[in-house]
PDB file of all heavy atoms in Angstrom:
ATOM      1  N   LYS A   1      36.735  -1.496 -52.104  1.00  0.00           N
ATOM      2  CA  LYS A   1      35.420  -1.589 -51.494  1.00  0.00           C
ATOM      3  C   LYS A   1      35.579  -1.498 -49.980  1.00  0.00           C
ATOM      4  O   LYS A   1      36.474  -2.110 -49.402  1.00  0.00           O
ATOM      5  CB  LYS A   1      34.735  -2.908 -51.860  1.00  0.00           C
ATOM      6  CG  LYS A   1      34.316  -3.006 -53.318  1.00  0.00           C
ATOM      7  CD  LYS A   1      33.591  -4.314 -53.598  1.00  0.00           C
ATOM      8  CE  LYS A   1      33.164  -4.399 -55.065  1.00  0.00           C
ATOM      9  NZ  LYS A   1      32.467  -5.684 -55.354  1.00  0.00           N
ATOM     10  N   VAL A   2      34.667  -0.731 -49.363  1.00  0.00           N
ATOM     11  CA  VAL A   2      34.709  -0.532 -47.921  1.00  0.00           C
ATOM     12  C   VAL A   2      33.374  -0.958 -47.319  1.00  0.00           C
ATOM     13  O   VAL A   2      32.309  -0.563 -47.817  1.00  0.00           O
ATOM     14  CB  VAL A   2      34.971   0.952 -47.567  1.00  0.00           C
ATOM     15  CG1 VAL A   2      35.079   1.115 -46.054  1.00  0.00           C
ATOM     16  CG2 VAL A   2      36.218   1.456 -48.247  1.00  0.00           C
ATOM     17  N   GLN A   3      33.441  -1.749 -46.257  1.00  0.00           N
ATOM     18  CA  GLN A   3      32.229  -2.136 -45.528  1.00  0.00           C
ATOM     19  C   GLN A   3      32.182  -1.370 -44.213  1.00  0.00           C
ATOM     20  O   GLN A   3      33.103  -1.438 -43.402  1.00  0.00           O
ATOM     21  CB  GLN A   3      32.197  -3.641 -45.251  1.00  0.00           C
ATOM     22  CG  GLN A   3      30.901  -4.099 -44.575  1.00  0.00           C
ATOM     23  CD  GLN A   3      30.808  -5.615 -44.481  1.00  0.00           C
ATOM     24  OE1 GLN A   3      31.754  -6.318 -44.755  1.00  0.00           O
ATOM     25  NE2 GLN A   3      29.645  -6.099 -44.096  1.00  0.00           N
ATOM     26  N   THR A   4      31.084  -0.614 -43.996  1.00  0.00           N
ATOM     27  CA  THR A   4      30.940   0.180 -42.775  1.00  0.00           C
ATOM     28  C   THR A   4      30.324  -0.663 -41.662  1.00  0.00           C
ATOM     29  O   THR A   4      29.898  -1.808 -41.887  1.00  0.00           O
ATOM     30  CB  THR A   4      30.070   1.416 -43.037  1.00  0.00           C
ATOM     31  OG1 THR A   4      28.789   1.004 -43.538  1.00  0.00           O
ATOM     32  CG2 THR A   4      30.723   2.318 -44.077  1.00  0.00           C
ATOM     33  N   SER A   5      30.251  -0.102 -40.453  1.00  0.00           N
ATOM     34  CA  SER A   5      29.791  -0.846 -39.283  1.00  0.00           C
ATOM     35  C   SER A   5      28.340  -1.309 -39.395  1.00  0.00           C
ATOM     36  O   SER A   5      27.939  -2.264 -38.740  1.00  0.00           O
ATOM     37  CB  SER A   5      29.964   0.003 -38.021  1.00  0.00           C
ATOM     38  OG  SER A   5      29.225   1.217 -38.134  1.00  0.00           O
ATOM     39  N   ASP A   6      27.533  -0.629 -40.233  1.00  0.00           N
ATOM     40  CA  ASP A   6      26.138  -1.042 -40.391  1.00  0.00           C
ATOM     41  C   ASP A   6      25.944  -2.071 -41.498  1.00  0.00           C
ATOM     42  O   ASP A   6      24.820  -2.429 -41.834  1.00  0.00           O
ATOM     43  CB  ASP A   6      25.251   0.184 -40.650  1.00  0.00           C
ATOM     44  CG  ASP A   6      25.600   0.894 -41.956  1.00  0.00           C
ATOM     45  OD1 ASP A   6      26.542   0.463 -42.644  1.00  0.00           O
ATOM     46  OD2 ASP A   6      24.927   1.896 -42.275  1.00  0.00           O
ATOM     47  N   GLY A   7      27.066  -2.549 -42.084  1.00  0.00           N
ATOM     48  CA  GLY A   7      26.997  -3.579 -43.121  1.00  0.00           C
ATOM     49  C   GLY A   7      26.941  -3.055 -44.545  1.00  0.00           C
ATOM     50  O   GLY A   7      26.995  -3.844 -45.492  1.00  0.00           O
ATOM     51  N   SER A   8      26.837  -1.741 -44.713  1.00  0.00           N
ATOM     52  CA  SER A   8      26.799  -1.165 -46.063  1.00  0.00           C
ATOM     53  C   SER A   8      28.160  -1.298 -46.733  1.00  0.00           C
ATOM     54  O   SER A   8      29.204  -1.224 -46.068  1.00  0.00           O
ATOM     55  CB  SER A   8      26.397   0.309 -46.005  1.00  0.00           C
ATOM     56  OG  SER A   8      25.129   0.461 -45.401  1.00  0.00           O
ATOM     57  N   ILE A   9      28.148  -1.496 -48.055  1.00  0.00           N
ATOM     58  CA  ILE A   9      29.379  -1.640 -48.825  1.00  0.00           C
ATOM     59  C   ILE A   9      29.442  -0.535 -49.877  1.00  0.00           C
ATOM     60  O   ILE A   9      28.479  -0.314 -50.622  1.00  0.00           O
ATOM     61  CB  ILE A   9      29.458  -3.024 -49.497  1.00  0.00           C
ATOM     62  CG1 ILE A   9      29.493  -4.123 -48.422  1.00  0.00           C
ATOM     63  CG2 ILE A   9      30.684  -3.120 -50.409  1.00  0.00           C
ATOM     64  CD1 ILE A   9      29.476  -5.534 -48.988  1.00  0.00           C
ATOM     65  N   PHE A  10      30.566   0.165 -49.917  1.00  0.00           N
ATOM     66  CA  PHE A  10      30.764   1.249 -50.875  1.00  0.00           C
ATOM     67  C   PHE A  10      32.000   0.964 -51.717  1.00  0.00           C
ATOM     68  O   PHE A  10      33.020   0.493 -51.198  1.00  0.00           O
ATOM     69  CB  PHE A  10      30.940   2.585 -50.145  1.00  0.00           C
ATOM     70  CG  PHE A  10      29.771   2.966 -49.278  1.00  0.00           C
ATOM     71  CD1 PHE A  10      29.737   2.585 -47.936  1.00  0.00           C
ATOM     72  CD2 PHE A  10      28.708   3.690 -49.792  1.00  0.00           C
ATOM     73  CE1 PHE A  10      28.664   2.930 -47.130  1.00  0.00           C
ATOM     74  CE2 PHE A  10      27.631   4.039 -48.994  1.00  0.00           C
ATOM     75  CZ  PHE A  10      27.603   3.654 -47.663  1.00  0.00           C
ATOM     76  N   ALA A  11      31.893   1.258 -53.009  1.00  0.00           N
ATOM     77  CA  ALA A  11      33.001   1.035 -53.935  1.00  0.00           C
ATOM     78  C   ALA A  11      33.444   2.372 -54.525  1.00  0.00           C
ATOM     79  O   ALA A  11      32.608   3.225 -54.855  1.00  0.00           O
ATOM     80  CB  ALA A  11      32.577   0.081 -55.043  1.00  0.00           C
ATOM     81  N   TYR A  12      34.751   2.556 -54.625  1.00  0.00           N
ATOM     82  CA  TYR A  12      35.305   3.809 -55.150  1.00  0.00           C
ATOM     83  C   TYR A  12      36.480   3.520 -56.071  1.00  0.00           C
ATOM     84  O   TYR A  12      37.280   2.615 -55.796  1.00  0.00           O
ATOM     85  CB  TYR A  12      35.799   4.710 -53.998  1.00  0.00           C
ATOM     86  CG  TYR A  12      34.741   5.032 -53.000  1.00  0.00           C
ATOM     87  CD1 TYR A  12      34.638   4.303 -51.823  1.00  0.00           C
ATOM     88  CD2 TYR A  12      33.835   6.085 -53.217  1.00  0.00           C
ATOM     89  CE1 TYR A  12      33.667   4.600 -50.879  1.00  0.00           C
ATOM     90  CE2 TYR A  12      32.856   6.375 -52.277  1.00  0.00           C
ATOM     91  CZ  TYR A  12      32.775   5.635 -51.119  1.00  0.00           C
ATOM     92  OH  TYR A  12      31.802   5.920 -50.196  1.00  0.00           O
ATOM     93  N   PRO A  13      36.600   4.270 -57.158  1.00  0.00           N
ATOM     94  CA  PRO A  13      37.822   4.170 -57.968  1.00  0.00           C
ATOM     95  C   PRO A  13      38.979   4.799 -57.200  1.00  0.00           C
ATOM     96  O   PRO A  13      38.794   5.763 -56.448  1.00  0.00           O
ATOM     97  CB  PRO A  13      37.473   4.967 -59.222  1.00  0.00           C
ATOM     98  CG  PRO A  13      36.413   5.924 -58.797  1.00  0.00           C
ATOM     99  CD  PRO A  13      35.624   5.220 -57.734  1.00  0.00           C
ATOM    100  N   MET A  14      40.179   4.260 -57.352  1.00  0.00           N
ATOM    101  CA  MET A  14      41.320   4.773 -56.621  1.00  0.00           C
ATOM    102  C   MET A  14      41.642   6.219 -56.988  1.00  0.00           C
ATOM    103  O   MET A  14      42.259   6.940 -56.209  1.00  0.00           O
ATOM    104  CB  MET A  14      42.550   3.893 -56.886  1.00  0.00           C
ATOM    105  CG  MET A  14      42.448   2.498 -56.274  1.00  0.00           C
ATOM    106  SD  MET A  14      42.210   2.509 -54.478  1.00  0.00           S
ATOM    107  CE  MET A  14      43.736   3.247 -53.943  1.00  0.00           C
ATOM    108  N   SER A  15      41.177   6.666 -58.143  1.00  0.00           N
ATOM    109  CA  SER A  15      41.410   8.054 -58.543  1.00  0.00           C
ATOM    110  C   SER A  15      40.659   9.029 -57.647  1.00  0.00           C
ATOM    111  O   SER A  15      40.992  10.213 -57.587  1.00  0.00           O
ATOM    112  CB  SER A  15      41.003   8.264 -60.003  1.00  0.00           C
ATOM    113  OG  SER A  15      39.623   7.934 -60.189  1.00  0.00           O
ATOM    114  N   ASP A  16      39.615   8.533 -56.919  1.00  0.00           N
ATOM    115  CA  ASP A  16      38.853   9.387 -56.008  1.00  0.00           C
ATOM    116  C   ASP A  16      39.403   9.355 -54.580  1.00  0.00           C
ATOM    117  O   ASP A  16      38.937  10.112 -53.719  1.00  0.00           O
ATOM    118  CB  ASP A  16      37.378   8.943 -55.967  1.00  0.00           C
ATOM    119  CG  ASP A  16      36.656   9.246 -57.272  1.00  0.00           C
ATOM    120  OD1 ASP A  16      37.200  10.016 -58.085  1.00  0.00           O
ATOM    121  OD2 ASP A  16      35.545   8.709 -57.461  1.00  0.00           O
ATOM    122  N   VAL A  17      40.360   8.474 -54.323  1.00  0.00           N
ATOM    123  CA  VAL A  17      40.869   8.269 -52.969  1.00  0.00           C
ATOM    124  C   VAL A  17      42.116   9.117 -52.730  1.00  0.00           C
ATOM    125  O   VAL A  17      43.069   9.081 -53.510  1.00  0.00           O
ATOM    126  CB  VAL A  17      41.197   6.789 -52.730  1.00  0.00           C
ATOM    127  CG1 VAL A  17      41.790   6.588 -51.334  1.00  0.00           C
ATOM    128  CG2 VAL A  17      39.940   5.936 -52.895  1.00  0.00           C
ATOM    129  N   GLU A  18      42.076   9.880 -51.628  1.00  0.00           N
ATOM    130  CA  GLU A  18      43.242  10.684 -51.266  1.00  0.00           C
ATOM    131  C   GLU A  18      44.220   9.875 -50.429  1.00  0.00           C
ATOM    132  O   GLU A  18      45.424   9.883 -50.670  1.00  0.00           O
ATOM    133  CB  GLU A  18      42.803  11.919 -50.477  1.00  0.00           C
ATOM    134  CG  GLU A  18      43.949  12.822 -50.058  1.00  0.00           C
ATOM    135  CD  GLU A  18      43.485  14.066 -49.334  1.00  0.00           C
ATOM    136  OE1 GLU A  18      42.311  14.450 -49.499  1.00  0.00           O
ATOM    137  OE2 GLU A  18      44.301  14.649 -48.601  1.00  0.00           O
ATOM    138  N   LYS A  19      43.694   9.137 -49.411  1.00  0.00           N
ATOM    139  CA  LYS A  19      44.568   8.300 -48.586  1.00  0.00           C
ATOM    140  C   LYS A  19      43.725   7.299 -47.804  1.00  0.00           C
ATOM    141  O   LYS A  19      42.510   7.458 -47.651  1.00  0.00           O
ATOM    142  CB  LYS A  19      45.399   9.149 -47.620  1.00  0.00           C
ATOM    143  CG  LYS A  19      44.579   9.914 -46.592  1.00  0.00           C
ATOM    144  CD  LYS A  19      45.486  10.702 -45.658  1.00  0.00           C
ATOM    145  CE  LYS A  19      44.654  11.495 -44.642  1.00  0.00           C
ATOM    146  NZ  LYS A  19      45.507  12.248 -43.698  1.00  0.00           N
ATOM    147  N   ILE A  20      44.410   6.254 -47.302  1.00  0.00           N
ATOM    148  CA  ILE A  20      43.777   5.245 -46.453  1.00  0.00           C
ATOM    149  C   ILE A  20      44.623   5.121 -45.196  1.00  0.00           C
ATOM    150  O   ILE A  20      45.842   4.933 -45.273  1.00  0.00           O
ATOM    151  CB  ILE A  20      43.699   3.876 -47.166  1.00  0.00           C
ATOM    152  CG1 ILE A  20      42.956   4.013 -48.504  1.00  0.00           C
ATOM    153  CG2 ILE A  20      43.011   2.851 -46.277  1.00  0.00           C
ATOM    154  CD1 ILE A  20      43.000   2.750 -49.345  1.00  0.00           C
ATOM    155  N   THR A  21      43.979   5.244 -44.026  1.00  0.00           N
ATOM    156  CA  THR A  21      44.709   5.167 -42.765  1.00  0.00           C
ATOM    157  C   THR A  21      44.030   4.188 -41.816  1.00  0.00           C
ATOM    158  O   THR A  21      42.903   3.738 -42.056  1.00  0.00           O
ATOM    159  CB  THR A  21      44.781   6.548 -42.076  1.00  0.00           C
ATOM    160  OG1 THR A  21      43.453   6.954 -41.714  1.00  0.00           O
ATOM    161  CG2 THR A  21      45.394   7.586 -43.007  1.00  0.00           C
ATOM    162  N   LYS A  22      44.735   3.865 -40.731  1.00  0.00           N
ATOM    163  CA  LYS A  22      44.158   3.085 -39.630  1.00  0.00           C
ATOM    164  C   LYS A  22      44.076   4.003 -38.418  1.00  0.00           C
ATOM    165  O   LYS A  22      45.088   4.585 -38.022  1.00  0.00           O
ATOM    166  CB  LYS A  22      45.009   1.850 -39.329  1.00  0.00           C
ATOM    167  CG  LYS A  22      44.914   0.752 -40.388  1.00  0.00           C
ATOM    168  CD  LYS A  22      45.686  -0.477 -39.950  1.00  0.00           C
ATOM    169  CE  LYS A  22      45.583  -1.586 -40.974  1.00  0.00           C
ATOM    170  NZ  LYS A  22      44.225  -2.122 -41.088  1.00  0.00           N
ATOM    171  N   GLU A  23      42.882   4.133 -37.825  1.00  0.00           N
ATOM    172  CA  GLU A  23      42.680   5.060 -36.721  1.00  0.00           C
ATOM    173  C   GLU A  23      41.852   4.402 -35.622  1.00  0.00           C
ATOM    174  O   GLU A  23      41.127   3.426 -35.864  1.00  0.00           O
ATOM    175  CB  GLU A  23      41.962   6.330 -37.207  1.00  0.00           C
ATOM    176  CG  GLU A  23      42.728   7.091 -38.287  1.00  0.00           C
ATOM    177  CD  GLU A  23      41.974   8.313 -38.780  1.00  0.00           C
ATOM    178  OE1 GLU A  23      40.947   8.664 -38.161  1.00  0.00           O
ATOM    179  OE2 GLU A  23      42.405   8.905 -39.783  1.00  0.00           O
ATOM    180  N   VAL A  24      41.956   4.967 -34.426  1.00  0.00           N
ATOM    181  CA  VAL A  24      41.129   4.503 -33.311  1.00  0.00           C
ATOM    182  C   VAL A  24      39.680   4.878 -33.602  1.00  0.00           C
ATOM    183  O   VAL A  24      39.398   6.009 -34.004  1.00  0.00           O
ATOM    184  CB  VAL A  24      41.581   5.163 -31.993  1.00  0.00           C
ATOM    185  CG1 VAL A  24      40.658   4.756 -30.850  1.00  0.00           C
ATOM    186  CG2 VAL A  24      43.018   4.776 -31.678  1.00  0.00           C
ATOM    187  N   PRO A  25      38.726   3.966 -33.460  1.00  0.00           N
ATOM    188  CA  PRO A  25      37.324   4.296 -33.709  1.00  0.00           C
ATOM    189  C   PRO A  25      36.869   5.485 -32.891  1.00  0.00           C
ATOM    190  O   PRO A  25      37.319   5.686 -31.760  1.00  0.00           O
ATOM    191  CB  PRO A  25      36.579   3.017 -33.288  1.00  0.00           C
ATOM    192  CG  PRO A  25      37.593   1.930 -33.445  1.00  0.00           C
ATOM    193  CD  PRO A  25      38.914   2.563 -33.076  1.00  0.00           C
ATOM    194  N   VAL A  26      35.954   6.272 -33.459  1.00  0.00           N
ATOM    195  CA  VAL A  26      35.464   7.473 -32.785  1.00  0.00           C
ATOM    196  C   VAL A  26      34.862   7.131 -31.436  1.00  0.00           C
ATOM    197  O   VAL A  26      35.086   7.823 -30.438  1.00  0.00           O
ATOM    198  CB  VAL A  26      34.425   8.196 -33.668  1.00  0.00           C
ATOM    199  CG1 VAL A  26      33.806   9.360 -32.920  1.00  0.00           C
ATOM    200  CG2 VAL A  26      35.084   8.677 -34.953  1.00  0.00           C
ATOM    201  N   THR A  27      34.094   6.059 -31.346  1.00  0.00           N
ATOM    202  CA  THR A  27      33.468   5.685 -30.077  1.00  0.00           C
ATOM    203  C   THR A  27      34.515   5.350 -29.031  1.00  0.00           C
ATOM    204  O   THR A  27      34.369   5.656 -27.865  1.00  0.00           O
ATOM    205  CB  THR A  27      32.527   4.485 -30.266  1.00  0.00           C
ATOM    206  OG1 THR A  27      33.248   3.416 -30.907  1.00  0.00           O
ATOM    207  CG2 THR A  27      31.338   4.859 -31.126  1.00  0.00           C
ATOM    208  N   THR A  28      35.609   4.708 -29.477  1.00  0.00           N
ATOM    209  CA  THR A  28      36.686   4.366 -28.552  1.00  0.00           C
ATOM    210  C   THR A  28      37.369   5.611 -28.050  1.00  0.00           C
ATOM    211  O   THR A  28      37.709   5.732 -26.872  1.00  0.00           O
ATOM    212  CB  THR A  28      37.711   3.447 -29.245  1.00  0.00           C
ATOM    213  OG1 THR A  28      37.060   2.277 -29.722  1.00  0.00           O
ATOM    214  CG2 THR A  28      38.831   3.053 -28.279  1.00  0.00           C
TER     215      THR A  28
END
C-alpha cells in the first residue's frame, strides 16, 4: 500500500510492481 502526498492510499499486488526505489521529490 502506498500513501501519496494528498493522503490517498493505493493498494497493488506485487505481481503488478516492477520495482520500488527511493528518489529525490520532483519539487525538490
